[in-house]
Amino acid sequence: MDDYPLLNLFLTMLYLFLWVMWFFLLFKVITDLFRDHSLNGWAKAGWLVLVILLPYVGVLIYLIVRGRSMHERDEKLAKDSEAAFRDYVRRAAGPEGGSGGSGHVNDLAKLAELKDKGAINAEEYEQAKAKLLA
């Protein structure tokens, strides 16, 4: 350990961190390139060649030129994902039931309410419930 001072260890860790961050940025840029529908194929190919052949400079140029629109695409993707999730939850928990079968749950709740009010007796409730679940 005498031939590798502590400062060199910290520098090695810094270089490793910067290398991992560069790969993160590279993958982020490549993902953004293929997600962008406003670019044609030649423009995507040009950016990809620039990013691969001039790795550090290419990524920095991409971030400078297209950084704002990159953020806007990420934001739009997040909003679309959230809207799709909310729509899914609304359909799954809605009164119609969708594919989750919660329509049967509402019908069973109505039957239980009728039984509690005395409109139907326990035997009628069980028959209706068996028919509903069949």
C-alpha atoms as a PDB file:
ATOM      1  CA  MET A   1       0.000   0.000   0.000  1.00  0.00           C
ATOM      2  CA  ASP A   2       3.041   2.255   0.303  1.00  0.00           C
ATOM      3  CA  ASP A   3       3.440   2.606  -3.449  1.00  0.00           C
ATOM      4  CA  TYR A   4      -0.169   3.800  -3.996  1.00  0.00           C
ATOM      5  CA  PRO A   5      -0.826   6.907  -1.900  1.00  0.00           C
ATOM      6  CA  LEU A   6      -4.249   7.892  -0.655  1.00  0.00           C
ATOM      7  CA  LEU A   7      -4.503  10.816  -3.075  1.00  0.00           C
ATOM      8  CA  ASN A   8      -4.069   8.447  -6.009  1.00  0.00           C
ATOM      9  CA  LEU A   9      -6.874   6.305  -4.632  1.00  0.00           C
ATOM     10  CA  PHE A  10      -9.166   9.339  -4.508  1.00  0.00           C
ATOM     11  CA  LEU A  11      -8.205  10.313  -8.053  1.00  0.00           C
ATOM     12  CA  THR A  12      -8.887   6.784  -9.261  1.00  0.00           C
ATOM     13  CA  MET A  13     -12.309   6.901  -7.622  1.00  0.00           C
ATOM     14  CA  LEU A  14     -12.983  10.284  -9.253  1.00  0.00           C
ATOM     15  CA  TYR A  15     -12.006   8.947 -12.676  1.00  0.00           C
ATOM     16  CA  LEU A  16     -14.199   5.905 -12.195  1.00  0.00           C
ATOM     17  CA  PHE A  17     -17.116   8.113 -11.154  1.00  0.00           C
ATOM     18  CA  LEU A  18     -16.645  10.369 -14.190  1.00  0.00           C
ATOM     19  CA  TRP A  19     -16.413   7.341 -16.478  1.00  0.00           C
ATOM     20  CA  VAL A  20     -19.689   5.895 -15.110  1.00  0.00           C
ATOM     21  CA  MET A  21     -21.386   9.305 -15.406  1.00  0.00           C
ATOM     22  CA  TRP A  22     -20.245   9.581 -19.015  1.00  0.00           C
ATOM     23  CA  PHE A  23     -21.768   6.169 -19.803  1.00  0.00           C
ATOM     24  CA  PHE A  24     -24.981   7.283 -18.119  1.00  0.00           C
ATOM     25  CA  LEU A  25     -25.045  10.408 -20.290  1.00  0.00           C
ATOM     26  CA  LEU A  26     -24.205   8.413 -23.412  1.00  0.00           C
ATOM     27  CA  PHE A  27     -27.098   6.006 -22.848  1.00  0.00           C
ATOM     28  CA  LYS A  28     -29.416   8.907 -22.011  1.00  0.00           C
ATOM     29  CA  VAL A  29     -28.470  10.670 -25.266  1.00  0.00           C
ATOM     30  CA  ILE A  30     -28.890   7.524 -27.373  1.00  0.00           C
ATOM     31  CA  THR A  31     -32.268   6.807 -25.736  1.00  0.00           C
ATOM     32  CA  ASP A  32     -33.364  10.376 -26.377  1.00  0.00           C
ATOM     33  CA  LEU A  33     -32.265  10.139 -30.008  1.00  0.00           C
ATOM     34  CA  PHE A  34     -34.438   7.119 -30.676  1.00  0.00           C
ATOM     35  CA  ARG A  35     -37.365   8.526 -28.677  1.00  0.00           C
ATOM     36  CA  ASP A  36     -37.481  11.778 -30.660  1.00  0.00           C
ATOM     37  CA  HIS A  37     -40.046  11.546 -33.461  1.00  0.00           C
ATOM     38  CA  SER A  38     -39.238  14.961 -34.911  1.00  0.00           C
ATOM     39  CA  LEU A  39     -35.834  13.830 -36.243  1.00  0.00           C
ATOM     40  CA  ASN A  40     -35.608  11.858 -39.454  1.00  0.00           C
ATOM     41  CA  GLY A  41     -33.412   8.787 -39.826  1.00  0.00           C
ATOM     42  CA  TRP A  42     -30.451  10.628 -41.339  1.00  0.00           C
ATOM     43  CA  ALA A  43     -30.354  13.156 -38.519  1.00  0.00           C
ATOM     44  CA  LYS A  44     -30.494  10.366 -35.934  1.00  0.00           C
ATOM     45  CA  ALA A  45     -27.708   8.515 -37.739  1.00  0.00           C
ATOM     46  CA  GLY A  46     -25.602  11.685 -37.861  1.00  0.00           C
ATOM     47  CA  TRP A  47     -26.006  12.350 -34.162  1.00  0.00           C
ATOM     48  CA  LEU A  48     -25.261   8.700 -33.387  1.00  0.00           C
ATOM     49  CA  VAL A  49     -22.071   8.758 -35.463  1.00  0.00           C
ATOM     50  CA  LEU A  50     -20.996  12.006 -33.771  1.00  0.00           C
ATOM     51  CA  VAL A  51     -21.668  10.609 -30.302  1.00  0.00           C
ATOM     52  CA  ILE A  52     -19.840   7.351 -31.010  1.00  0.00           C
ATOM     53  CA  LEU A  53     -16.845   8.704 -32.953  1.00  0.00           C
ATOM     54  CA  LEU A  54     -16.257  11.766 -30.754  1.00  0.00           C
ATOM     55  CA  PRO A  55     -17.599  10.418 -27.487  1.00  0.00           C
ATOM     56  CA  TYR A  56     -17.061  13.205 -24.976  1.00  0.00           C
ATOM     57  CA  VAL A  57     -17.342  16.102 -27.412  1.00  0.00           C
ATOM     58  CA  GLY A  58     -20.332  14.519 -29.172  1.00  0.00           C
ATOM     59  CA  VAL A  59     -22.274  14.047 -25.944  1.00  0.00           C
ATOM     60  CA  LEU A  60     -21.489  17.596 -24.815  1.00  0.00           C
ATOM     61  CA  ILE A  61     -22.524  19.050 -28.194  1.00  0.00           C
ATOM     62  CA  TYR A  62     -25.752  17.044 -28.075  1.00  0.00           C
ATOM     63  CA  LEU A  63     -26.521  18.300 -24.576  1.00  0.00           C
ATOM     64  CA  ILE A  64     -25.813  21.897 -25.577  1.00  0.00           C
ATOM     65  CA  VAL A  65     -27.816  21.794 -28.821  1.00  0.00           C
ATOM     66  CA  ARG A  66     -30.727  19.558 -27.819  1.00  0.00           C
ATOM     67  CA  GLY A  67     -30.708  19.672 -24.002  1.00  0.00           C
ATOM     68  CA  ARG A  68     -33.866  21.749 -23.655  1.00  0.00           C
ATOM     69  CA  SER A  69     -35.899  19.608 -26.031  1.00  0.00           C
ATOM     70  CA  MET A  70     -34.486  16.517 -24.307  1.00  0.00           C
ATOM     71  CA  HIS A  71     -35.977  17.762 -21.057  1.00  0.00           C
ATOM     72  CA  GLU A  72     -39.303  18.523 -22.749  1.00  0.00           C
ATOM     73  CA  ARG A  73     -39.484  14.988 -24.185  1.00  0.00           C
ATOM     74  CA  ASP A  74     -38.731  13.500 -20.748  1.00  0.00           C
ATOM     75  CA  GLU A  75     -41.430  15.664 -19.199  1.00  0.00           C
ATOM     76  CA  LYS A  76     -43.968  14.677 -21.875  1.00  0.00           C
ATOM     77  CA  LEU A  77     -43.143  11.001 -21.391  1.00  0.00           C
ATOM     78  CA  ALA A  78     -43.657  11.318 -17.630  1.00  0.00           C
ATOM     79  CA  LYS A  79     -47.001  13.098 -18.107  1.00  0.00           C
ATOM     80  CA  ASP A  80     -48.167  10.514 -20.646  1.00  0.00           C
ATOM     81  CA  SER A  81     -47.168   7.661 -18.338  1.00  0.00           C
ATOM     82  CA  GLU A  82     -48.991   9.259 -15.423  1.00  0.00           C
ATOM     83  CA  ALA A  83     -52.096   9.867 -17.528  1.00  0.00           C
ATOM     84  CA  ALA A  84     -52.049   6.257 -18.759  1.00  0.00           C
ATOM     85  CA  PHE A  85     -51.694   5.007 -15.185  1.00  0.00           C
ATOM     86  CA  ARG A  86     -54.548   7.199 -13.955  1.00  0.00           C
ATOM     87  CA  ASP A  87     -56.722   6.038 -16.862  1.00  0.00           C
ATOM     88  CA  TYR A  88     -55.925   2.415 -16.052  1.00  0.00           C
ATOM     89  CA  VAL A  89     -56.781   2.901 -12.373  1.00  0.00           C
ATOM     90  CA  ARG A  90     -59.982   4.730 -13.281  1.00  0.00           C
ATOM     91  CA  ARG A  91     -61.058   1.910 -15.626  1.00  0.00           C
ATOM     92  CA  ALA A  92     -60.107  -0.832 -13.162  1.00  0.00           C
ATOM     93  CA  ALA A  93     -61.885   0.799 -10.216  1.00  0.00           C
ATOM     94  CA  GLY A  94     -64.795   2.305 -12.139  1.00  0.00           C
ATOM     95  CA  PRO A  95     -68.424   1.254 -11.710  1.00  0.00           C
ATOM     96  CA  GLU A  96     -68.511  -0.496 -15.096  1.00  0.00           C
ATOM     97  CA  GLY A  97     -65.890  -2.901 -13.898  1.00  0.00           C
ATOM     98  CA  GLY A  98     -63.732  -3.040 -16.982  1.00  0.00           C
ATOM     99  CA  SER A  99     -61.662  -6.186 -16.957  1.00  0.00           C
ATOM    100  CA  GLY A 100     -61.297  -6.200 -13.183  1.00  0.00           C
ATOM    101  CA  GLY A 101     -64.800  -7.474 -12.528  1.00  0.00           C
ATOM    102  CA  SER A 102     -65.680  -4.739 -10.054  1.00  0.00           C
ATOM    103  CA  GLY A 103     -69.151  -4.593 -11.655  1.00  0.00           C
ATOM    104  CA  HIS A 104     -69.868  -7.814  -9.776  1.00  0.00           C
ATOM    105  CA  VAL A 105     -68.568  -6.181  -6.634  1.00  0.00           C
ATOM    106  CA  ASN A 106     -71.078  -3.350  -7.031  1.00  0.00           C
ATOM    107  CA  ASP A 107     -73.893  -5.826  -7.684  1.00  0.00           C
ATOM    108  CA  LEU A 108     -72.928  -7.802  -4.581  1.00  0.00           C
ATOM    109  CA  ALA A 109     -72.895  -4.594  -2.549  1.00  0.00           C
ATOM    110  CA  LYS A 110     -76.389  -3.747  -3.792  1.00  0.00           C
ATOM    111  CA  LEU A 111     -77.585  -7.234  -2.880  1.00  0.00           C
ATOM    112  CA  ALA A 112     -76.103  -6.915   0.603  1.00  0.00           C
ATOM    113  CA  GLU A 113     -77.788  -3.533   0.984  1.00  0.00           C
ATOM    114  CA  LEU A 114     -81.151  -5.010  -0.058  1.00  0.00           C
ATOM    115  CA  LYS A 115     -80.661  -7.839   2.440  1.00  0.00           C
ATOM    116  CA  ASP A 116     -79.761  -5.369   5.226  1.00  0.00           C
ATOM    117  CA  LYS A 117     -82.861  -3.282   4.485  1.00  0.00           C
ATOM    118  CA  GLY A 118     -85.017  -6.406   4.628  1.00  0.00           C
ATOM    119  CA  ALA A 119     -86.148  -6.173   0.982  1.00  0.00           C
ATOM    120  CA  ILE A 120     -84.881  -9.731   0.427  1.00  0.00           C
ATOM    121  CA  ASN A 121     -84.317 -12.550   2.892  1.00  0.00           C
ATOM    122  CA  ALA A 122     -81.094 -14.527   3.418  1.00  0.00           C
ATOM    123  CA  GLU A 123     -82.168 -17.361   1.101  1.00  0.00           C
ATOM    124  CA  GLU A 124     -82.963 -14.962  -1.769  1.00  0.00           C
ATOM    125  CA  TYR A 125     -79.669 -13.191  -1.134  1.00  0.00           C
ATOM    126  CA  GLU A 126     -77.699 -16.463  -1.375  1.00  0.00           C
ATOM    127  CA  GLN A 127     -79.502 -17.467  -4.584  1.00  0.00           C
ATOM    128  CA  ALA A 128     -78.901 -14.094  -6.213  1.00  0.00           C
ATOM    129  CA  LYS A 129     -75.274 -14.127  -5.097  1.00  0.00           C
ATOM    130  CA  ALA A 130     -74.720 -17.645  -6.484  1.00  0.00           C
ATOM    131  CA  LYS A 131     -76.275 -16.620  -9.822  1.00  0.00           C
ATOM    132  CA  LEU A 132     -74.173 -13.464  -9.945  1.00  0.00           C
ATOM    133  CA  LEU A 133     -70.915 -15.294  -9.220  1.00  0.00           C
ATOM    134  CA  ALA A 134     -71.630 -18.156 -11.652  1.00  0.00           C
END
